[in-house]
Amino acid sequence: MVRFSYVQLPDYPLTDCIDMIKTADELGFYAAYSVDETWHKDMWLLFAAAADKTKNIRLGPNVTHVILREPTHICQMLATLDELSGGRAEAVVSFGNLGLLEQYQIDWKSMKPLSRVREGIEVMRRFLADGAITFDGEFFKYSGLFTFARPVQEKIPLKMGAMGGPRSFEVAGEIADGMHHALGYSRENYEYVAEHVKLGLDKSGRSLDDFDLGAWVVFAVAEDSEAAKRAARIMVGFYISSMPANQLARHGLNRDDLQPIIDALGAGQIDRAIELTSPELAATLSVSGTPEECVAKLKTDILPTGVNHIIAAVTDPMMVKAFSGKEISGVPDVQGQLRLIHDKVMPELG
């Protein structure tokens, strides 16, 4: 069975953010996730506010990170959220958004980021399990650190976020409860992802049946196909700079050919960047169109590879305007798209 979750960029008024999470809960979405980045409103406070207004939906970061965040501090917040939500917290962990790290002037390449994530997850598992830790690692060291923040769940799921691979995919399969792969849309890409995740799973004696393999995708759905694709086109340009060259290659794309889009965005030339993002490119790098078109894309390119979880970064008119200043019509708001996914996409995928 395919899980569906909603991931939010918390840039809306906070009362609207909570209403969107409540709608996803009422419709039976597995989780509501949010990015843990300085660029947006604080997701930890948002989910704390949403916890007693929801019943079943799981809540947590997708992703949080172990360069700007300290692992035991993540555990403190995660256990607190787990108590507030009655045992519905989980976390997707990575080393962080490369663009954000650059703005902090952090030389992430020199920090052994994947090794840091591996060790960070080990620290988090120990601290969540015991409430105390003494640890002498390469990146993190503690002597008798303890916390009264204790989770409700016996084991809070800790998953990894990964994009380029292949080592990150293998490590996720080896040590994590799942892996969510952001901004992948082609069958070639997901076959590569699944192949390397399975190598890690083999080491841990597990299979994909025991693993949450998620696709974090730009999602725009409307009865008006062209309107949905226009919305996706505007947002796709903003995400291209986050995609490693090897990930782009798995979509038949060359990063050098896309550099003018990245340069235009860097110079604040939003209209130029959108102009350079062709409709064909936007279709390649999104799940967009009518419900039927979205189902076809998922069935053809993503789900046959072993992906069992769709994490929809829903793109609506308000988000498009916030990022680009452009008005679009014919596209439902977030709640409207969540209902379309529930009514017309989920039933076709079992």
C-alpha atoms as a PDB file:
ATOM      1  CA  MET A   1       0.000   0.000   0.000  1.00  0.00           C
ATOM      2  CA  VAL A   2       1.276   3.445  -0.939  1.00  0.00           C
ATOM      3  CA  ARG A   3       1.418   6.053   1.815  1.00  0.00           C
ATOM      4  CA  PHE A   4       0.695   9.684   1.024  1.00  0.00           C
ATOM      5  CA  SER A   5       2.027  12.545   3.117  1.00  0.00           C
ATOM      6  CA  TYR A   6       1.959  16.323   2.839  1.00  0.00           C
ATOM      7  CA  VAL A   7       5.118  18.395   3.217  1.00  0.00           C
ATOM      8  CA  GLN A   8       4.693  22.076   3.917  1.00  0.00           C
ATOM      9  CA  LEU A   9       6.911  25.071   3.408  1.00  0.00           C
ATOM     10  CA  PRO A  10       5.638  27.070   6.412  1.00  0.00           C
ATOM     11  CA  ASP A  11       5.492  30.446   4.698  1.00  0.00           C
ATOM     12  CA  TYR A  12       1.723  30.948   5.047  1.00  0.00           C
ATOM     13  CA  PRO A  13       0.004  32.659   7.988  1.00  0.00           C
ATOM     14  CA  LEU A  14       0.364  30.200  10.837  1.00  0.00           C
ATOM     15  CA  THR A  15      -3.389  29.741  11.304  1.00  0.00           C
ATOM     16  CA  ASP A  16      -3.524  28.679   7.639  1.00  0.00           C
ATOM     17  CA  CYS A  17      -0.570  26.327   8.138  1.00  0.00           C
ATOM     18  CA  ILE A  18      -2.414  24.601  10.980  1.00  0.00           C
ATOM     19  CA  ASP A  19      -5.645  24.397   8.966  1.00  0.00           C
ATOM     20  CA  MET A  20      -3.739  22.668   6.129  1.00  0.00           C
ATOM     21  CA  ILE A  21      -2.304  20.122   8.566  1.00  0.00           C
ATOM     22  CA  LYS A  22      -5.783  19.550  10.034  1.00  0.00           C
ATOM     23  CA  THR A  23      -7.173  18.933   6.536  1.00  0.00           C
ATOM     24  CA  ALA A  24      -4.440  16.396   5.795  1.00  0.00           C
ATOM     25  CA  ASP A  25      -5.238  14.680   9.109  1.00  0.00           C
ATOM     26  CA  GLU A  26      -8.962  14.539   8.362  1.00  0.00           C
ATOM     27  CA  LEU A  27      -8.272  13.065   4.912  1.00  0.00           C
ATOM     28  CA  GLY A  28      -6.085  10.292   6.289  1.00  0.00           C
ATOM     29  CA  PHE A  29      -2.650  11.386   5.097  1.00  0.00           C
ATOM     30  CA  TYR A  30       0.120   9.454   6.822  1.00  0.00           C
ATOM     31  CA  ALA A  31       2.203  12.453   7.907  1.00  0.00           C
ATOM     32  CA  ALA A  32       2.551  16.193   7.734  1.00  0.00           C
ATOM     33  CA  TYR A  33       6.175  17.146   7.344  1.00  0.00           C
ATOM     34  CA  SER A  34       7.933  20.478   7.114  1.00  0.00           C
ATOM     35  CA  VAL A  35      11.393  21.718   6.270  1.00  0.00           C
ATOM     36  CA  ASP A  36      13.594  22.759   9.189  1.00  0.00           C
ATOM     37  CA  GLU A  37      15.318  25.762   7.598  1.00  0.00           C
ATOM     38  CA  THR A  38      15.947  29.338   8.687  1.00  0.00           C
ATOM     39  CA  TRP A  39      14.290  30.616   5.503  1.00  0.00           C
ATOM     40  CA  HIS A  40      10.848  29.568   6.780  1.00  0.00           C
ATOM     41  CA  LYS A  41       8.785  29.868   9.941  1.00  0.00           C
ATOM     42  CA  ASP A  42       9.800  27.517  12.727  1.00  0.00           C
ATOM     43  CA  MET A  43       8.337  24.073  12.071  1.00  0.00           C
ATOM     44  CA  TRP A  44       8.880  22.812  15.623  1.00  0.00           C
ATOM     45  CA  LEU A  45       6.684  25.537  17.093  1.00  0.00           C
ATOM     46  CA  LEU A  46       4.165  25.056  14.279  1.00  0.00           C
ATOM     47  CA  PHE A  47       3.825  21.316  14.929  1.00  0.00           C
ATOM     48  CA  ALA A  48       3.637  21.881  18.678  1.00  0.00           C
ATOM     49  CA  ALA A  49       0.661  24.161  18.008  1.00  0.00           C
ATOM     50  CA  ALA A  50      -0.907  21.624  15.630  1.00  0.00           C
ATOM     51  CA  ALA A  51      -0.415  18.602  17.884  1.00  0.00           C
ATOM     52  CA  ASP A  52      -3.596  18.906  19.967  1.00  0.00           C
ATOM     53  CA  LYS A  53      -5.635  19.954  16.921  1.00  0.00           C
ATOM     54  CA  THR A  54      -4.960  16.697  15.063  1.00  0.00           C
ATOM     55  CA  LYS A  55      -5.663  13.053  15.875  1.00  0.00           C
ATOM     56  CA  ASN A  56      -3.798  10.582  13.700  1.00  0.00           C
ATOM     57  CA  ILE A  57      -1.363  12.317  11.372  1.00  0.00           C
ATOM     58  CA  ARG A  58       2.319  11.970  12.151  1.00  0.00           C
ATOM     59  CA  LEU A  59       4.401  15.130  12.530  1.00  0.00           C
ATOM     60  CA  GLY A  60       8.065  15.959  12.051  1.00  0.00           C
ATOM     61  CA  PRO A  61      10.874  17.538  10.071  1.00  0.00           C
ATOM     62  CA  ASN A  62      11.631  16.513   6.507  1.00  0.00           C
ATOM     63  CA  VAL A  63      14.435  17.291   6.767  1.00  0.00           C
ATOM     64  CA  THR A  64      16.279  18.424   9.863  1.00  0.00           C
ATOM     65  CA  HIS A  65      20.060  18.409   9.830  1.00  0.00           C
ATOM     66  CA  VAL A  66      23.146  17.676  11.874  1.00  0.00           C
ATOM     67  CA  ILE A  67      25.360  20.595  10.892  1.00  0.00           C
ATOM     68  CA  LEU A  68      23.224  23.587  11.859  1.00  0.00           C
ATOM     69  CA  ARG A  69      21.364  21.483  14.453  1.00  0.00           C
ATOM     70  CA  GLU A  70      22.964  19.480  17.261  1.00  0.00           C
ATOM     71  CA  PRO A  71      21.656  15.886  17.439  1.00  0.00           C
ATOM     72  CA  THR A  72      20.774  15.874  21.143  1.00  0.00           C
ATOM     73  CA  HIS A  73      18.934  19.177  20.697  1.00  0.00           C
ATOM     74  CA  ILE A  74      16.937  17.575  17.874  1.00  0.00           C
ATOM     75  CA  CYS A  75      16.117  14.722  20.269  1.00  0.00           C
ATOM     76  CA  GLN A  76      14.936  17.156  22.935  1.00  0.00           C
ATOM     77  CA  MET A  77      12.559  18.821  20.477  1.00  0.00           C
ATOM     78  CA  LEU A  78      11.473  15.534  18.914  1.00  0.00           C
ATOM     79  CA  ALA A  79      10.669  13.881  22.259  1.00  0.00           C
ATOM     80  CA  THR A  80       8.755  16.971  23.349  1.00  0.00           C
ATOM     81  CA  LEU A  81       6.730  16.887  20.121  1.00  0.00           C
ATOM     82  CA  ASP A  82       6.130  13.169  20.626  1.00  0.00           C
ATOM     83  CA  GLU A  83       4.632  13.839  24.054  1.00  0.00           C
ATOM     84  CA  LEU A  84       2.495  16.719  22.788  1.00  0.00           C
ATOM     85  CA  SER A  85       1.169  14.605  19.888  1.00  0.00           C
ATOM     86  CA  GLY A  86       0.599  11.427  21.879  1.00  0.00           C
ATOM     87  CA  GLY A  87       3.306   9.460  20.105  1.00  0.00           C
ATOM     88  CA  ARG A  88       3.086  10.740  16.519  1.00  0.00           C
ATOM     89  CA  ALA A  89       6.527  12.281  15.979  1.00  0.00           C
ATOM     90  CA  GLU A  90       9.220  11.163  13.555  1.00  0.00           C
ATOM     91  CA  ALA A  91      12.207  12.772  11.859  1.00  0.00           C
ATOM     92  CA  VAL A  92      13.952  12.720   8.511  1.00  0.00           C
ATOM     93  CA  VAL A  93      17.607  13.698   8.978  1.00  0.00           C
ATOM     94  CA  SER A  94      20.324  14.859   6.592  1.00  0.00           C
ATOM     95  CA  PHE A  95      23.339  17.140   6.692  1.00  0.00           C
ATOM     96  CA  GLY A  96      21.326  20.090   5.408  1.00  0.00           C
ATOM     97  CA  ASN A  97      20.344  22.289   2.505  1.00  0.00           C
ATOM     98  CA  LEU A  98      23.511  23.182   0.602  1.00  0.00           C
ATOM     99  CA  GLY A  99      22.269  26.657  -0.317  1.00  0.00           C
ATOM    100  CA  LEU A 100      21.485  27.434   3.316  1.00  0.00           C
ATOM    101  CA  LEU A 101      24.877  26.160   4.480  1.00  0.00           C
ATOM    102  CA  GLU A 102      26.570  28.395   1.931  1.00  0.00           C
ATOM    103  CA  GLN A 103      24.684  31.411   3.279  1.00  0.00           C
ATOM    104  CA  TYR A 104      26.012  30.532   6.731  1.00  0.00           C
ATOM    105  CA  GLN A 105      29.493  30.394   5.124  1.00  0.00           C
ATOM    106  CA  ILE A 106      29.919  26.799   6.264  1.00  0.00           C
ATOM    107  CA  ASP A 107      32.415  24.725   4.296  1.00  0.00           C
ATOM    108  CA  TRP A 108      30.273  21.584   4.435  1.00  0.00           C
ATOM    109  CA  LYS A 109      32.528  19.636   2.036  1.00  0.00           C
ATOM    110  CA  SER A 110      35.304  19.606   4.627  1.00  0.00           C
ATOM    111  CA  MET A 111      32.992  18.283   7.345  1.00  0.00           C
ATOM    112  CA  LYS A 112      32.565  14.671   6.133  1.00  0.00           C
ATOM    113  CA  PRO A 113      28.813  15.242   5.889  1.00  0.00           C
ATOM    114  CA  LEU A 114      27.698  11.648   5.375  1.00  0.00           C
ATOM    115  CA  SER A 115      29.875  10.358   8.212  1.00  0.00           C
ATOM    116  CA  ARG A 116      28.452  13.140  10.355  1.00  0.00           C
ATOM    117  CA  VAL A 117      24.887  12.051   9.570  1.00  0.00           C
ATOM    118  CA  ARG A 118      25.725   8.407  10.366  1.00  0.00           C
ATOM    119  CA  GLU A 119      27.208   9.355  13.726  1.00  0.00           C
ATOM    120  CA  GLY A 120      24.435  11.874  14.406  1.00  0.00           C
ATOM    121  CA  ILE A 121      21.754   9.207  13.955  1.00  0.00           C
ATOM    122  CA  GLU A 122      23.656   6.876  16.299  1.00  0.00           C
ATOM    123  CA  VAL A 123      23.717   9.654  18.914  1.00  0.00           C
ATOM    124  CA  MET A 124      20.005  10.315  18.422  1.00  0.00           C
ATOM    125  CA  ARG A 125      19.051   6.659  18.793  1.00  0.00           C
ATOM    126  CA  ARG A 126      21.013   6.355  22.054  1.00  0.00           C
ATOM    127  CA  PHE A 127      19.745   9.616  23.523  1.00  0.00           C
ATOM    128  CA  LEU A 128      16.098   8.919  22.621  1.00  0.00           C
ATOM    129  CA  ALA A 129      16.344   5.381  24.025  1.00  0.00           C
ATOM    130  CA  ASP A 130      18.100   6.187  27.310  1.00  0.00           C
ATOM    131  CA  GLY A 131      17.540   9.885  28.012  1.00  0.00           C
ATOM    132  CA  ALA A 132      21.256  10.170  28.760  1.00  0.00           C
ATOM    133  CA  ILE A 133      24.480   9.787  26.844  1.00  0.00           C
ATOM    134  CA  THR A 134      28.214   9.534  27.266  1.00  0.00           C
ATOM    135  CA  PHE A 135      29.829   9.375  23.858  1.00  0.00           C
ATOM    136  CA  ASP A 136      33.232  10.057  22.333  1.00  0.00           C
ATOM    137  CA  GLY A 137      32.776  10.209  18.571  1.00  0.00           C
ATOM    138  CA  GLU A 138      34.535  11.894  15.698  1.00  0.00           C
ATOM    139  CA  PHE A 139      31.982  14.713  15.501  1.00  0.00           C
ATOM    140  CA  PHE A 140      29.982  14.616  18.734  1.00  0.00           C
ATOM    141  CA  LYS A 141      31.203  14.188  22.310  1.00  0.00           C
ATOM    142  CA  TYR A 142      29.205  14.059  25.547  1.00  0.00           C
ATOM    143  CA  SER A 143      29.879  13.276  29.165  1.00  0.00           C
ATOM    144  CA  GLY A 144      26.815  12.413  31.238  1.00  0.00           C
ATOM    145  CA  LEU A 145      24.406  14.558  29.239  1.00  0.00           C
ATOM    146  CA  PHE A 146      20.777  13.876  30.156  1.00  0.00           C
ATOM    147  CA  THR A 147      17.262  15.176  29.446  1.00  0.00           C
ATOM    148  CA  PHE A 148      13.787  14.954  30.969  1.00  0.00           C
ATOM    149  CA  ALA A 149      12.303  15.149  27.459  1.00  0.00           C
ATOM    150  CA  ARG A 150      11.181  11.556  26.914  1.00  0.00           C
ATOM    151  CA  PRO A 151       9.248  10.185  23.928  1.00  0.00           C
ATOM    152  CA  VAL A 152       5.908   8.392  24.176  1.00  0.00           C
ATOM    153  CA  GLN A 153       6.773   5.915  21.412  1.00  0.00           C
ATOM    154  CA  GLU A 154       9.065   3.053  22.269  1.00  0.00           C
ATOM    155  CA  LYS A 155      11.089   3.927  19.176  1.00  0.00           C
ATOM    156  CA  ILE A 156      10.701   7.178  17.237  1.00  0.00           C
ATOM    157  CA  PRO A 157      11.337   6.511  13.523  1.00  0.00           C
ATOM    158  CA  LEU A 158      14.548   8.139  12.323  1.00  0.00           C
ATOM    159  CA  LYS A 159      14.808   8.302   8.546  1.00  0.00           C
ATOM    160  CA  MET A 160      17.379   9.842   6.236  1.00  0.00           C
ATOM    161  CA  GLY A 161      16.988  12.429   3.513  1.00  0.00           C
ATOM    162  CA  ALA A 162      19.218  11.960   0.467  1.00  0.00           C
ATOM    163  CA  MET A 163      19.438  13.256  -3.096  1.00  0.00           C
ATOM    164  CA  GLY A 164      22.613  12.538  -5.050  1.00  0.00           C
ATOM    165  CA  GLY A 165      23.801   9.198  -3.727  1.00  0.00           C
ATOM    166  CA  PRO A 166      24.960   6.559  -4.081  1.00  0.00           C
ATOM    167  CA  ARG A 167      26.665   6.232  -0.681  1.00  0.00           C
ATOM    168  CA  SER A 168      23.933   8.148   1.141  1.00  0.00           C
ATOM    169  CA  PHE A 169      21.333   5.726  -0.250  1.00  0.00           C
ATOM    170  CA  GLU A 170      23.372   2.747   0.944  1.00  0.00           C
ATOM    171  CA  VAL A 171      23.939   4.219   4.404  1.00  0.00           C
ATOM    172  CA  ALA A 172      20.220   4.938   4.734  1.00  0.00           C
ATOM    173  CA  GLY A 173      19.419   1.335   3.887  1.00  0.00           C
ATOM    174  CA  GLU A 174      21.946   0.170   6.449  1.00  0.00           C
ATOM    175  CA  ILE A 175      21.102   2.351   9.481  1.00  0.00           C
ATOM    176  CA  ALA A 176      17.824   4.260   9.036  1.00  0.00           C
ATOM    177  CA  ASP A 177      14.119   3.424   9.330  1.00  0.00           C
ATOM    178  CA  GLY A 178      13.542   4.875   5.865  1.00  0.00           C
ATOM    179  CA  MET A 179      14.910   7.208   3.238  1.00  0.00           C
ATOM    180  CA  HIS A 180      13.119  10.089   1.579  1.00  0.00           C
ATOM    181  CA  HIS A 181      14.587  11.100  -1.752  1.00  0.00           C
ATOM    182  CA  ALA A 182      13.836  14.692  -2.742  1.00  0.00           C
ATOM    183  CA  LEU A 183      13.228  15.976  -6.259  1.00  0.00           C
ATOM    184  CA  GLY A 184      13.401  12.703  -8.145  1.00  0.00           C
ATOM    185  CA  TYR A 185      10.933  12.054 -10.972  1.00  0.00           C
ATOM    186  CA  SER A 186      12.331   9.613 -13.528  1.00  0.00           C
ATOM    187  CA  ARG A 187      12.228   5.844 -13.528  1.00  0.00           C
ATOM    188  CA  GLU A 188      15.971   5.717 -14.202  1.00  0.00           C
ATOM    189  CA  ASN A 189      16.538   7.843 -11.105  1.00  0.00           C
ATOM    190  CA  TYR A 190      14.425   5.702  -8.812  1.00  0.00           C
ATOM    191  CA  GLU A 191      15.814   2.421 -10.115  1.00  0.00           C
ATOM    192  CA  TYR A 192      19.258   3.762  -9.198  1.00  0.00           C
ATOM    193  CA  VAL A 193      18.025   4.899  -5.778  1.00  0.00           C
ATOM    194  CA  ALA A 194      16.364   1.548  -5.018  1.00  0.00           C
ATOM    195  CA  GLU A 195      19.384  -0.438  -6.211  1.00  0.00           C
ATOM    196  CA  HIS A 196      21.690   1.303  -3.752  1.00  0.00           C
ATOM    197  CA  VAL A 197      19.194   1.364  -0.883  1.00  0.00           C
ATOM    198  CA  LYS A 198      18.909  -2.417  -1.278  1.00  0.00           C
ATOM    199  CA  LEU A 199      22.695  -2.756  -0.903  1.00  0.00           C
ATOM    200  CA  GLY A 200      22.416  -1.100   2.509  1.00  0.00           C
ATOM    201  CA  LEU A 201      19.355  -3.117   3.442  1.00  0.00           C
ATOM    202  CA  ASP A 202      21.244  -6.327   2.659  1.00  0.00           C
ATOM    203  CA  LYS A 203      23.870  -5.334   5.222  1.00  0.00           C
ATOM    204  CA  SER A 204      21.213  -4.829   7.888  1.00  0.00           C
ATOM    205  CA  GLY A 205      19.314  -7.990   7.026  1.00  0.00           C
ATOM    206  CA  ARG A 206      16.194  -6.173   5.878  1.00  0.00           C
ATOM    207  CA  SER A 207      14.210  -5.738   2.673  1.00  0.00           C
ATOM    208  CA  LEU A 208      12.206  -2.921   1.113  1.00  0.00           C
ATOM    209  CA  ASP A 209       9.145  -4.442   2.801  1.00  0.00           C
ATOM    210  CA  ASP A 210      10.618  -3.244   6.116  1.00  0.00           C
ATOM    211  CA  PHE A 211      11.653   0.174   4.838  1.00  0.00           C
ATOM    212  CA  ASP A 212       9.972   3.520   4.172  1.00  0.00           C
ATOM    213  CA  LEU A 213      11.253   4.522   0.711  1.00  0.00           C
ATOM    214  CA  GLY A 214       9.759   7.926   0.024  1.00  0.00           C
ATOM    215  CA  ALA A 215       9.621  10.267  -2.950  1.00  0.00           C
ATOM    216  CA  TRP A 216       9.558  13.959  -1.931  1.00  0.00           C
ATOM    217  CA  VAL A 217       8.134  15.661  -5.028  1.00  0.00           C
ATOM    218  CA  VAL A 218       6.875  19.022  -6.260  1.00  0.00           C
ATOM    219  CA  PHE A 219       3.153  18.308  -6.683  1.00  0.00           C
ATOM    220  CA  ALA A 220       0.574  20.493  -8.445  1.00  0.00           C
ATOM    221  CA  VAL A 221      -2.805  18.961  -9.268  1.00  0.00           C
ATOM    222  CA  ALA A 222      -5.907  20.599 -10.740  1.00  0.00           C
ATOM    223  CA  GLU A 223      -8.744  19.743 -13.082  1.00  0.00           C
ATOM    224  CA  ASP A 224      -7.172  22.389 -15.337  1.00  0.00           C
ATOM    225  CA  SER A 225      -4.034  20.601 -16.549  1.00  0.00           C
ATOM    226  CA  GLU A 226      -2.304  23.647 -18.008  1.00  0.00           C
ATOM    227  CA  ALA A 227      -2.883  25.707 -14.870  1.00  0.00           C
ATOM    228  CA  ALA A 228      -1.319  23.018 -12.664  1.00  0.00           C
ATOM    229  CA  LYS A 229       1.653  22.746 -14.986  1.00  0.00           C
ATOM    230  CA  ARG A 230       2.121  26.542 -14.966  1.00  0.00           C
ATOM    231  CA  ALA A 231       2.271  26.476 -11.173  1.00  0.00           C
ATOM    232  CA  ALA A 232       4.816  23.660 -11.212  1.00  0.00           C
ATOM    233  CA  ARG A 233       6.896  25.419 -13.860  1.00  0.00           C
ATOM    234  CA  ILE A 234       7.304  28.491 -11.690  1.00  0.00           C
ATOM    235  CA  MET A 235       8.419  26.467  -8.666  1.00  0.00           C
ATOM    236  CA  VAL A 236      10.673  23.994 -10.488  1.00  0.00           C
ATOM    237  CA  GLY A 237      13.171  26.717 -11.367  1.00  0.00           C
ATOM    238  CA  PHE A 238      13.693  27.474  -7.681  1.00  0.00           C
ATOM    239  CA  TYR A 239      14.508  23.833  -6.898  1.00  0.00           C
ATOM    240  CA  ILE A 240      16.960  23.086  -9.726  1.00  0.00           C
ATOM    241  CA  SER A 241      19.919  24.611  -7.881  1.00  0.00           C
ATOM    242  CA  SER A 242      19.379  22.099  -5.061  1.00  0.00           C
ATOM    243  CA  MET A 243      19.769  19.088  -7.353  1.00  0.00           C
ATOM    244  CA  PRO A 244      23.256  17.543  -7.644  1.00  0.00           C
ATOM    245  CA  ALA A 245      24.637  17.040 -11.142  1.00  0.00           C
ATOM    246  CA  ASN A 246      24.442  13.240 -10.907  1.00  0.00           C
ATOM    247  CA  GLN A 247      20.771  13.431  -9.932  1.00  0.00           C
ATOM    248  CA  LEU A 248      20.026  15.733 -12.882  1.00  0.00           C
ATOM    249  CA  ALA A 249      21.861  13.308 -15.173  1.00  0.00           C
ATOM    250  CA  ARG A 250      19.476  10.547 -14.100  1.00  0.00           C
ATOM    251  CA  HIS A 251      16.730  12.695 -15.613  1.00  0.00           C
ATOM    252  CA  GLY A 252      18.593  13.157 -18.885  1.00  0.00           C
ATOM    253  CA  LEU A 253      19.668  16.667 -17.913  1.00  0.00           C
ATOM    254  CA  ASN A 254      23.060  18.384 -17.894  1.00  0.00           C
ATOM    255  CA  ARG A 255      23.690  20.822 -15.051  1.00  0.00           C
ATOM    256  CA  ASP A 256      25.751  23.098 -17.310  1.00  0.00           C
ATOM    257  CA  ASP A 257      22.731  23.496 -19.605  1.00  0.00           C
ATOM    258  CA  LEU A 258      20.636  24.566 -16.608  1.00  0.00           C
ATOM    259  CA  GLN A 259      23.204  26.967 -15.165  1.00  0.00           C
ATOM    260  CA  PRO A 260      21.575  30.027 -16.802  1.00  0.00           C
ATOM    261  CA  ILE A 261      18.432  29.335 -14.732  1.00  0.00           C
ATOM    262  CA  ILE A 262      20.475  29.100 -11.559  1.00  0.00           C
ATOM    263  CA  ASP A 263      22.405  32.278 -12.447  1.00  0.00           C
ATOM    264  CA  ALA A 264      19.204  34.194 -13.200  1.00  0.00           C
ATOM    265  CA  LEU A 265      17.740  33.252  -9.818  1.00  0.00           C
ATOM    266  CA  GLY A 266      20.997  34.196  -8.100  1.00  0.00           C
ATOM    267  CA  ALA A 267      20.777  37.612  -9.730  1.00  0.00           C
ATOM    268  CA  GLY A 268      17.154  38.041  -8.664  1.00  0.00           C
ATOM    269  CA  GLN A 269      15.908  37.812 -12.258  1.00  0.00           C
ATOM    270  CA  ILE A 270      12.819  35.745 -11.476  1.00  0.00           C
ATOM    271  CA  ASP A 271      11.030  36.355 -14.765  1.00  0.00           C
ATOM    272  CA  ARG A 272      14.118  35.334 -16.724  1.00  0.00           C
ATOM    273  CA  ALA A 273      14.546  32.163 -14.676  1.00  0.00           C
ATOM    274  CA  ILE A 274      10.916  31.179 -15.293  1.00  0.00           C
ATOM    275  CA  GLU A 275      11.280  31.933 -19.006  1.00  0.00           C
ATOM    276  CA  LEU A 276      14.326  29.645 -19.169  1.00  0.00           C
ATOM    277  CA  THR A 277      12.454  26.861 -17.365  1.00  0.00           C
ATOM    278  CA  SER A 278      10.687  25.311 -20.332  1.00  0.00           C
ATOM    279  CA  PRO A 279       7.317  23.542 -19.964  1.00  0.00           C
ATOM    280  CA  GLU A 280       9.087  20.310 -20.919  1.00  0.00           C
ATOM    281  CA  LEU A 281      11.669  20.765 -18.162  1.00  0.00           C
ATOM    282  CA  ALA A 282       8.940  21.532 -15.627  1.00  0.00           C
ATOM    283  CA  ALA A 283       7.041  18.383 -16.659  1.00  0.00           C
ATOM    284  CA  THR A 284      10.217  16.339 -16.201  1.00  0.00           C
ATOM    285  CA  LEU A 285      10.913  17.730 -12.730  1.00  0.00           C
ATOM    286  CA  SER A 286       7.453  17.662 -11.155  1.00  0.00           C
ATOM    287  CA  VAL A 287       4.295  15.650 -10.687  1.00  0.00           C
ATOM    288  CA  SER A 288       1.768  18.004 -12.190  1.00  0.00           C
ATOM    289  CA  GLY A 289      -1.425  18.200 -14.221  1.00  0.00           C
ATOM    290  CA  THR A 290      -4.832  16.612 -13.781  1.00  0.00           C
ATOM    291  CA  PRO A 291      -5.342  13.858 -11.208  1.00  0.00           C
ATOM    292  CA  GLU A 292      -5.205  11.363 -14.058  1.00  0.00           C
ATOM    293  CA  GLU A 293      -1.882  12.762 -15.308  1.00  0.00           C
ATOM    294  CA  CYS A 294      -0.413  12.676 -11.791  1.00  0.00           C
ATOM    295  CA  VAL A 295      -1.514   9.052 -11.357  1.00  0.00           C
ATOM    296  CA  ALA A 296       0.062   8.133 -14.700  1.00  0.00           C
ATOM    297  CA  LYS A 297       3.380   9.750 -13.736  1.00  0.00           C
ATOM    298  CA  LEU A 298       3.464   7.986 -10.385  1.00  0.00           C
ATOM    299  CA  LYS A 299       2.536   4.625 -11.901  1.00  0.00           C
ATOM    300  CA  THR A 300       5.017   4.879 -14.753  1.00  0.00           C
ATOM    301  CA  ASP A 301       8.096   6.533 -13.283  1.00  0.00           C
ATOM    302  CA  ILE A 302       8.125   6.266  -9.498  1.00  0.00           C
ATOM    303  CA  LEU A 303       6.091   3.509  -7.847  1.00  0.00           C
ATOM    304  CA  PRO A 304       7.274   0.517  -9.947  1.00  0.00           C
ATOM    305  CA  THR A 305      10.790   0.903  -8.531  1.00  0.00           C
ATOM    306  CA  GLY A 306       9.870   0.077  -4.929  1.00  0.00           C
ATOM    307  CA  VAL A 307       8.898   3.536  -3.688  1.00  0.00           C
ATOM    308  CA  ASN A 308       6.096   3.083  -1.148  1.00  0.00           C
ATOM    309  CA  HIS A 309       5.565   6.629   0.110  1.00  0.00           C
ATOM    310  CA  ILE A 310       4.721   9.821  -1.791  1.00  0.00           C
ATOM    311  CA  ILE A 311       5.529  13.059   0.034  1.00  0.00           C
ATOM    312  CA  ALA A 312       3.711  15.814  -1.826  1.00  0.00           C
ATOM    313  CA  ALA A 313       5.151  19.334  -1.688  1.00  0.00           C
ATOM    314  CA  VAL A 314       1.879  20.883  -2.774  1.00  0.00           C
ATOM    315  CA  THR A 315       2.283  23.984  -4.938  1.00  0.00           C
ATOM    316  CA  ASP A 316      -0.648  26.392  -4.759  1.00  0.00           C
ATOM    317  CA  PRO A 317      -1.300  29.984  -5.920  1.00  0.00           C
ATOM    318  CA  MET A 318      -0.249  31.487  -2.592  1.00  0.00           C
ATOM    319  CA  MET A 319       3.096  29.671  -2.638  1.00  0.00           C
ATOM    320  CA  VAL A 320       3.699  30.660  -6.260  1.00  0.00           C
ATOM    321  CA  LYS A 321       3.022  34.309  -5.432  1.00  0.00           C
ATOM    322  CA  ALA A 322       5.259  34.217  -2.347  1.00  0.00           C
ATOM    323  CA  PHE A 323       8.196  32.881  -4.365  1.00  0.00           C
ATOM    324  CA  SER A 324       7.703  34.683  -7.671  1.00  0.00           C
ATOM    325  CA  GLY A 325       5.207  37.517  -7.180  1.00  0.00           C
ATOM    326  CA  LYS A 326       3.063  35.992  -9.933  1.00  0.00           C
ATOM    327  CA  GLU A 327      -0.681  35.413  -9.787  1.00  0.00           C
ATOM    328  CA  ILE A 328      -2.041  32.168 -11.215  1.00  0.00           C
ATOM    329  CA  SER A 329      -5.626  30.990 -11.568  1.00  0.00           C
ATOM    330  CA  GLY A 330      -7.256  27.622 -12.093  1.00  0.00           C
ATOM    331  CA  VAL A 331      -5.239  25.900  -9.361  1.00  0.00           C
ATOM    332  CA  PRO A 332      -6.823  24.959  -6.011  1.00  0.00           C
ATOM    333  CA  ASP A 333      -5.342  26.039  -2.717  1.00  0.00           C
ATOM    334  CA  VAL A 334      -3.492  23.487  -0.587  1.00  0.00           C
ATOM    335  CA  GLN A 335      -6.640  22.073   0.990  1.00  0.00           C
ATOM    336  CA  GLY A 336      -8.291  21.770  -2.404  1.00  0.00           C
ATOM    337  CA  GLN A 337      -5.303  19.881  -3.800  1.00  0.00           C
ATOM    338  CA  LEU A 338      -5.144  17.598  -0.755  1.00  0.00           C
ATOM    339  CA  ARG A 339      -8.788  16.713  -1.407  1.00  0.00           C
ATOM    340  CA  LEU A 340      -8.078  16.034  -5.078  1.00  0.00           C
ATOM    341  CA  ILE A 341      -5.205  13.754  -4.086  1.00  0.00           C
ATOM    342  CA  HIS A 342      -7.459  11.979  -1.587  1.00  0.00           C
ATOM    343  CA  ASP A 343     -10.439  11.670  -3.930  1.00  0.00           C
ATOM    344  CA  LYS A 344      -8.815  11.001  -7.299  1.00  0.00           C
ATOM    345  CA  VAL A 345      -5.175   9.991  -6.876  1.00  0.00           C
ATOM    346  CA  MET A 346      -5.015   7.734  -3.807  1.00  0.00           C
ATOM    347  CA  PRO A 347      -7.853   5.404  -4.897  1.00  0.00           C
ATOM    348  CA  GLU A 348      -6.040   4.654  -8.181  1.00  0.00           C
ATOM    349  CA  LEU A 349      -2.895   3.551  -6.399  1.00  0.00           C
ATOM    350  CA  GLY A 350      -4.340   1.155  -3.825  1.00  0.00           C
END
